[in-house]
Amino acid sequence: MTFSKQVTDDNNSQTYYTDDNNSQTYYTDDNNSQTYYTDDNNSQTYYTDDNNSQTYYTDDNNKTYYTDDNNSQTYYTDDNNSQTYYTDDNNSQTYYTDDNNSQTYYTDDNNSQTYYTDDNNSQTYYTDDNNSQTYYTDDNNSQTYYTDDNYSQTYYTDDNNSQTYYTDDNKSQIC
């Protein structure tokens, strides 16, 4: 890369580099440990950390993308950094965490199965392909709860699945 211009600010702490056609700008901070790249229209920003092992990207609407050392893990945060998305190496598993990282959502390869875990990962919720069946397991996975499409029928199975309990809409009938 041939640089046509090198500019340093008043205290020489920030260095700017522009390439031959001024379409790419590079910035290095005081200790040259952080590099910033902006493309032609400044709509995409790339950041690399000290050892260039972590890359950060922000797009036009301040959405941030993160890739790890081998680019096998991608992290996405939305505009206000309140929602985080993770995709694994082959993008087949997606993880979502909400604002306070207390709720985790998992979707499988074809997004047909969704798993939810609560704040302490003690309660797990499962919904099937059309979200019509919900499964719940309690803290020790010994009790399973099932609710049907309209949540009007609840099924309970005990620890060894040997006893099944049913309650109707108003939970007044147990079979």
C-alpha atoms as a PDB file:
ATOM      1  CA  MET A   1       0.000   0.000   0.000  1.00  0.00           C
ATOM      2  CA  THR A   2       1.336   3.410  -0.954  1.00  0.00           C
ATOM      3  CA  PHE A   3       0.286   6.223   1.297  1.00  0.00           C
ATOM      4  CA  SER A   4      -0.197   9.609  -0.284  1.00  0.00           C
ATOM      5  CA  LYS A   5      -0.696  11.431   2.962  1.00  0.00           C
ATOM      6  CA  GLN A   6       0.216  11.014   6.610  1.00  0.00           C
ATOM      7  CA  VAL A   7      -1.224  13.430   9.117  1.00  0.00           C
ATOM      8  CA  THR A   8      -0.641  13.672  12.844  1.00  0.00           C
ATOM      9  CA  ASP A   9      -2.735  15.791  15.184  1.00  0.00           C
ATOM     10  CA  ASP A  10      -1.501  18.504  17.586  1.00  0.00           C
ATOM     11  CA  ASN A  11      -0.004  16.213  20.173  1.00  0.00           C
ATOM     12  CA  ASN A  12       1.139  13.606  17.646  1.00  0.00           C
ATOM     13  CA  SER A  13      -0.926  11.074  19.488  1.00  0.00           C
ATOM     14  CA  GLN A  14      -3.207  10.181  16.586  1.00  0.00           C
ATOM     15  CA  THR A  15      -1.957   9.232  13.158  1.00  0.00           C
ATOM     16  CA  TYR A  16      -4.119   9.130  10.059  1.00  0.00           C
ATOM     17  CA  TYR A  17      -3.170   7.400   6.830  1.00  0.00           C
ATOM     18  CA  THR A  18      -4.989   7.728   3.548  1.00  0.00           C
ATOM     19  CA  ASP A  19      -4.246   5.579   0.540  1.00  0.00           C
ATOM     20  CA  ASP A  20      -3.519   6.777  -2.992  1.00  0.00           C
ATOM     21  CA  ASN A  21      -7.045   7.684  -3.929  1.00  0.00           C
ATOM     22  CA  ASN A  22      -8.000   8.769  -0.425  1.00  0.00           C
ATOM     23  CA  SER A  23     -10.676   6.124  -0.390  1.00  0.00           C
ATOM     24  CA  GLN A  24      -9.353   4.180   2.590  1.00  0.00           C
ATOM     25  CA  THR A  25      -8.435   5.755   5.896  1.00  0.00           C
ATOM     26  CA  TYR A  26      -6.387   4.119   8.617  1.00  0.00           C
ATOM     27  CA  TYR A  27      -6.059   5.420  12.159  1.00  0.00           C
ATOM     28  CA  THR A  28      -3.625   4.290  14.808  1.00  0.00           C
ATOM     29  CA  ASP A  29      -3.763   5.439  18.417  1.00  0.00           C
ATOM     30  CA  ASP A  30      -0.941   6.576  20.701  1.00  0.00           C
ATOM     31  CA  ASN A  31       0.787   3.257  21.072  1.00  0.00           C
ATOM     32  CA  ASN A  32      -0.195   1.967  17.634  1.00  0.00           C
ATOM     33  CA  SER A  33      -2.000  -0.842  19.371  1.00  0.00           C
ATOM     34  CA  GLN A  34      -5.456  -0.051  17.993  1.00  0.00           C
ATOM     35  CA  THR A  35      -6.151   0.312  14.310  1.00  0.00           C
ATOM     36  CA  TYR A  36      -9.298   1.750  12.801  1.00  0.00           C
ATOM     37  CA  TYR A  37     -10.285   1.429   9.174  1.00  0.00           C
ATOM     38  CA  THR A  38     -13.050   3.274   7.406  1.00  0.00           C
ATOM     39  CA  ASP A  39     -14.145   2.573   3.854  1.00  0.00           C
ATOM     40  CA  ASP A  40     -14.876   5.022   1.037  1.00  0.00           C
ATOM     41  CA  ASN A  41     -18.109   6.394   2.376  1.00  0.00           C
ATOM     42  CA  ASN A  42     -17.157   5.951   6.025  1.00  0.00           C
ATOM     43  CA  SER A  43     -20.103   3.651   6.428  1.00  0.00           C
ATOM     44  CA  GLN A  44     -18.118   0.623   7.538  1.00  0.00           C
ATOM     45  CA  THR A  45     -15.595   0.775  10.341  1.00  0.00           C
ATOM     46  CA  TYR A  46     -13.149  -1.974  11.182  1.00  0.00           C
ATOM     47  CA  TYR A  47     -11.249  -2.185  14.439  1.00  0.00           C
ATOM     48  CA  THR A  48      -8.460  -4.554  15.317  1.00  0.00           C
ATOM     49  CA  ASP A  49      -7.051  -4.922  18.810  1.00  0.00           C
ATOM     50  CA  ASP A  50      -3.418  -4.977  19.902  1.00  0.00           C
ATOM     51  CA  ASN A  51      -2.534  -8.349  18.469  1.00  0.00           C
ATOM     52  CA  ASN A  52      -4.961  -8.128  15.552  1.00  0.00           C
ATOM     53  CA  SER A  53      -6.709 -11.164  16.932  1.00  0.00           C
ATOM     54  CA  GLN A  54     -10.089  -9.506  17.448  1.00  0.00           C
ATOM     55  CA  THR A  55     -11.880  -7.621  14.729  1.00  0.00           C
ATOM     56  CA  TYR A  56     -14.810  -5.312  15.257  1.00  0.00           C
ATOM     57  CA  TYR A  57     -17.046  -4.011  12.516  1.00  0.00           C
ATOM     58  CA  THR A  58     -19.671  -1.328  12.740  1.00  0.00           C
ATOM     59  CA  ASP A  59     -22.037  -0.684   9.873  1.00  0.00           C
ATOM     60  CA  ASP A  60     -23.983   2.401   8.854  1.00  0.00           C
ATOM     61  CA  ASN A  61     -26.518   2.098  11.630  1.00  0.00           C
ATOM     62  CA  ASN A  62     -23.952   1.371  14.340  1.00  0.00           C
ATOM     63  CA  LYS A  63     -24.521  -2.343  14.359  1.00  0.00           C
ATOM     64  CA  THR A  64     -21.401  -4.048  15.644  1.00  0.00           C
ATOM     65  CA  TYR A  65     -20.031  -7.378  14.483  1.00  0.00           C
ATOM     66  CA  TYR A  66     -17.236  -9.207  16.259  1.00  0.00           C
ATOM     67  CA  THR A  67     -15.145 -12.072  14.990  1.00  0.00           C
ATOM     68  CA  ASP A  68     -12.664 -14.010  17.095  1.00  0.00           C
ATOM     69  CA  ASP A  69      -9.095 -14.992  16.240  1.00  0.00           C
ATOM     70  CA  ASN A  70      -9.919 -17.580  13.635  1.00  0.00           C
ATOM     71  CA  ASN A  71     -13.136 -15.915  12.482  1.00  0.00           C
ATOM     72  CA  SER A  72     -15.006 -18.998  13.602  1.00  0.00           C
ATOM     73  CA  GLN A  73     -17.239 -17.239  16.126  1.00  0.00           C
ATOM     74  CA  THR A  74     -19.277 -14.215  15.220  1.00  0.00           C
ATOM     75  CA  TYR A  75     -20.925 -11.894  17.678  1.00  0.00           C
ATOM     76  CA  TYR A  76     -23.547  -9.351  16.747  1.00  0.00           C
ATOM     77  CA  THR A  77     -24.863  -6.567  18.896  1.00  0.00           C
ATOM     78  CA  ASP A  78     -27.769  -4.381  17.893  1.00  0.00           C
ATOM     79  CA  ASP A  79     -27.831  -0.613  17.826  1.00  0.00           C
ATOM     80  CA  ASN A  80     -28.038  -0.134  21.570  1.00  0.00           C
ATOM     81  CA  ASN A  81     -25.911  -3.189  22.356  1.00  0.00           C
ATOM     82  CA  SER A  82     -28.810  -4.658  24.262  1.00  0.00           C
ATOM     83  CA  GLN A  83     -29.212  -7.792  22.144  1.00  0.00           C
ATOM     84  CA  THR A  84     -26.357 -10.152  21.413  1.00  0.00           C
ATOM     85  CA  TYR A  85     -26.382 -12.848  18.772  1.00  0.00           C
ATOM     86  CA  TYR A  86     -23.802 -15.609  18.544  1.00  0.00           C
ATOM     87  CA  THR A  87     -23.268 -18.012  15.700  1.00  0.00           C
ATOM     88  CA  ASP A  88     -20.907 -20.951  15.899  1.00  0.00           C
ATOM     89  CA  ASP A  89     -18.319 -22.070  13.359  1.00  0.00           C
ATOM     90  CA  ASN A  90     -20.744 -23.388  10.786  1.00  0.00           C
ATOM     91  CA  ASN A  91     -23.504 -20.905  11.619  1.00  0.00           C
ATOM     92  CA  SER A  92     -25.731 -23.803  12.519  1.00  0.00           C
ATOM     93  CA  GLN A  93     -26.403 -22.794  16.130  1.00  0.00           C
ATOM     94  CA  THR A  94     -27.575 -19.366  17.142  1.00  0.00           C
ATOM     95  CA  TYR A  95     -27.575 -18.022  20.671  1.00  0.00           C
ATOM     96  CA  TYR A  96     -29.430 -14.921  21.786  1.00  0.00           C
ATOM     97  CA  THR A  97     -29.070 -13.124  25.075  1.00  0.00           C
ATOM     98  CA  ASP A  98     -31.347 -10.303  26.165  1.00  0.00           C
ATOM     99  CA  ASP A  99     -30.423  -6.951  27.670  1.00  0.00           C
ATOM    100  CA  ASN A 100     -29.235  -8.239  31.011  1.00  0.00           C
ATOM    101  CA  ASN A 101     -27.973 -11.577  29.694  1.00  0.00           C
ATOM    102  CA  SER A 102     -30.461 -13.274  31.976  1.00  0.00           C
ATOM    103  CA  GLN A 103     -32.469 -14.997  29.241  1.00  0.00           C
ATOM    104  CA  THR A 104     -30.847 -17.191  26.652  1.00  0.00           C
ATOM    105  CA  TYR A 105     -32.508 -18.374  23.481  1.00  0.00           C
ATOM    106  CA  TYR A 106     -31.145 -21.154  21.311  1.00  0.00           C
ATOM    107  CA  THR A 107     -32.294 -22.090  17.853  1.00  0.00           C
ATOM    108  CA  ASP A 108     -31.110 -25.176  16.034  1.00  0.00           C
ATOM    109  CA  ASP A 109     -29.891 -25.487  12.459  1.00  0.00           C
ATOM    110  CA  ASN A 110     -33.227 -24.956  10.779  1.00  0.00           C
ATOM    111  CA  ASN A 111     -34.636 -22.676  13.483  1.00  0.00           C
ATOM    112  CA  SER A 112     -37.345 -25.230  14.106  1.00  0.00           C
ATOM    113  CA  GLN A 113     -36.590 -25.855  17.786  1.00  0.00           C
ATOM    114  CA  THR A 114     -36.216 -23.100  20.319  1.00  0.00           C
ATOM    115  CA  TYR A 115     -34.769 -23.515  23.787  1.00  0.00           C
ATOM    116  CA  TYR A 116     -35.101 -20.957  26.549  1.00  0.00           C
ATOM    117  CA  THR A 117     -33.269 -20.887  29.834  1.00  0.00           C
ATOM    118  CA  ASP A 118     -34.105 -18.466  32.626  1.00  0.00           C
ATOM    119  CA  ASP A 119     -31.777 -16.339  34.733  1.00  0.00           C
ATOM    120  CA  ASN A 120     -30.145 -19.144  36.659  1.00  0.00           C
ATOM    121  CA  ASN A 121     -30.502 -21.745  33.907  1.00  0.00           C
ATOM    122  CA  SER A 122     -32.717 -23.737  36.241  1.00  0.00           C
ATOM    123  CA  GLN A 123     -35.836 -23.652  34.069  1.00  0.00           C
ATOM    124  CA  THR A 124     -35.808 -24.726  30.474  1.00  0.00           C
ATOM    125  CA  TYR A 125     -38.553 -24.072  27.967  1.00  0.00           C
ATOM    126  CA  TYR A 126     -38.816 -25.813  24.631  1.00  0.00           C
ATOM    127  CA  THR A 127     -41.111 -24.933  21.782  1.00  0.00           C
ATOM    128  CA  ASP A 128     -41.561 -27.072  18.696  1.00  0.00           C
ATOM    129  CA  ASP A 129     -41.533 -26.031  15.053  1.00  0.00           C
ATOM    130  CA  ASN A 130     -44.793 -24.147  15.071  1.00  0.00           C
ATOM    131  CA  ASN A 131     -44.567 -23.052  18.703  1.00  0.00           C
ATOM    132  CA  SER A 132     -47.697 -25.041  19.426  1.00  0.00           C
ATOM    133  CA  GLN A 133     -46.214 -27.321  22.067  1.00  0.00           C
ATOM    134  CA  THR A 134     -44.257 -26.075  25.029  1.00  0.00           C
ATOM    135  CA  TYR A 135     -42.169 -28.226  27.324  1.00  0.00           C
ATOM    136  CA  TYR A 136     -40.861 -27.109  30.690  1.00  0.00           C
ATOM    137  CA  THR A 137     -38.355 -28.823  32.916  1.00  0.00           C
ATOM    138  CA  ASP A 138     -37.708 -27.695  36.464  1.00  0.00           C
ATOM    139  CA  ASP A 139     -34.423 -27.164  38.300  1.00  0.00           C
ATOM    140  CA  ASN A 140     -33.436 -30.783  38.621  1.00  0.00           C
ATOM    141  CA  ASN A 141     -35.074 -31.902  35.370  1.00  0.00           C
ATOM    142  CA  SER A 142     -37.236 -34.254  37.403  1.00  0.00           C
ATOM    143  CA  GLN A 143     -40.588 -32.645  36.584  1.00  0.00           C
ATOM    144  CA  THR A 144     -41.757 -32.009  33.076  1.00  0.00           C
ATOM    145  CA  TYR A 145     -44.668 -29.769  32.172  1.00  0.00           C
ATOM    146  CA  TYR A 146     -46.368 -29.717  28.803  1.00  0.00           C
ATOM    147  CA  THR A 147     -48.914 -27.225  27.590  1.00  0.00           C
ATOM    148  CA  ASP A 148     -50.917 -27.597  24.402  1.00  0.00           C
ATOM    149  CA  ASP A 149     -51.526 -25.058  21.657  1.00  0.00           C
ATOM    150  CA  ASN A 150     -53.787 -22.764  23.612  1.00  0.00           C
ATOM    151  CA  TYR A 151     -52.238 -23.487  27.007  1.00  0.00           C
ATOM    152  CA  SER A 152     -55.594 -24.812  28.194  1.00  0.00           C
ATOM    153  CA  GLN A 153     -54.405 -28.332  28.953  1.00  0.00           C
ATOM    154  CA  THR A 154     -51.411 -29.022  31.141  1.00  0.00           C
ATOM    155  CA  TYR A 155     -49.656 -32.342  31.464  1.00  0.00           C
ATOM    156  CA  TYR A 156     -47.264 -33.217  34.255  1.00  0.00           C
ATOM    157  CA  THR A 157     -45.001 -36.216  34.500  1.00  0.00           C
ATOM    158  CA  ASP A 158     -43.163 -37.146  37.652  1.00  0.00           C
ATOM    159  CA  ASP A 159     -39.482 -37.976  38.075  1.00  0.00           C
ATOM    160  CA  ASN A 160     -39.496 -41.331  36.374  1.00  0.00           C
ATOM    161  CA  ASN A 161     -42.283 -40.496  33.919  1.00  0.00           C
ATOM    162  CA  SER A 162     -44.387 -43.194  35.547  1.00  0.00           C
ATOM    163  CA  GLN A 163     -47.225 -40.942  36.671  1.00  0.00           C
ATOM    164  CA  THR A 164     -49.016 -38.462  34.475  1.00  0.00           C
ATOM    165  CA  TYR A 165     -51.251 -35.686  35.757  1.00  0.00           C
ATOM    166  CA  TYR A 166     -53.641 -33.613  33.678  1.00  0.00           C
ATOM    167  CA  THR A 167     -55.333 -30.390  34.629  1.00  0.00           C
ATOM    168  CA  ASP A 168     -58.074 -28.728  32.620  1.00  0.00           C
ATOM    169  CA  ASP A 169     -58.468 -25.060  31.735  1.00  0.00           C
ATOM    170  CA  ASN A 170     -59.290 -23.935  35.241  1.00  0.00           C
ATOM    171  CA  LYS A 171     -57.120 -26.647  36.818  1.00  0.00           C
ATOM    172  CA  SER A 172     -60.138 -27.958  38.699  1.00  0.00           C
ATOM    173  CA  GLN A 173     -59.999 -31.470  37.291  1.00  0.00           C
ATOM    174  CA  ILE A 174     -57.136 -33.909  37.782  1.00  0.00           C
ATOM    175  CA  CYS A 175     -57.184 -37.195  35.917  1.00  0.00           C
END
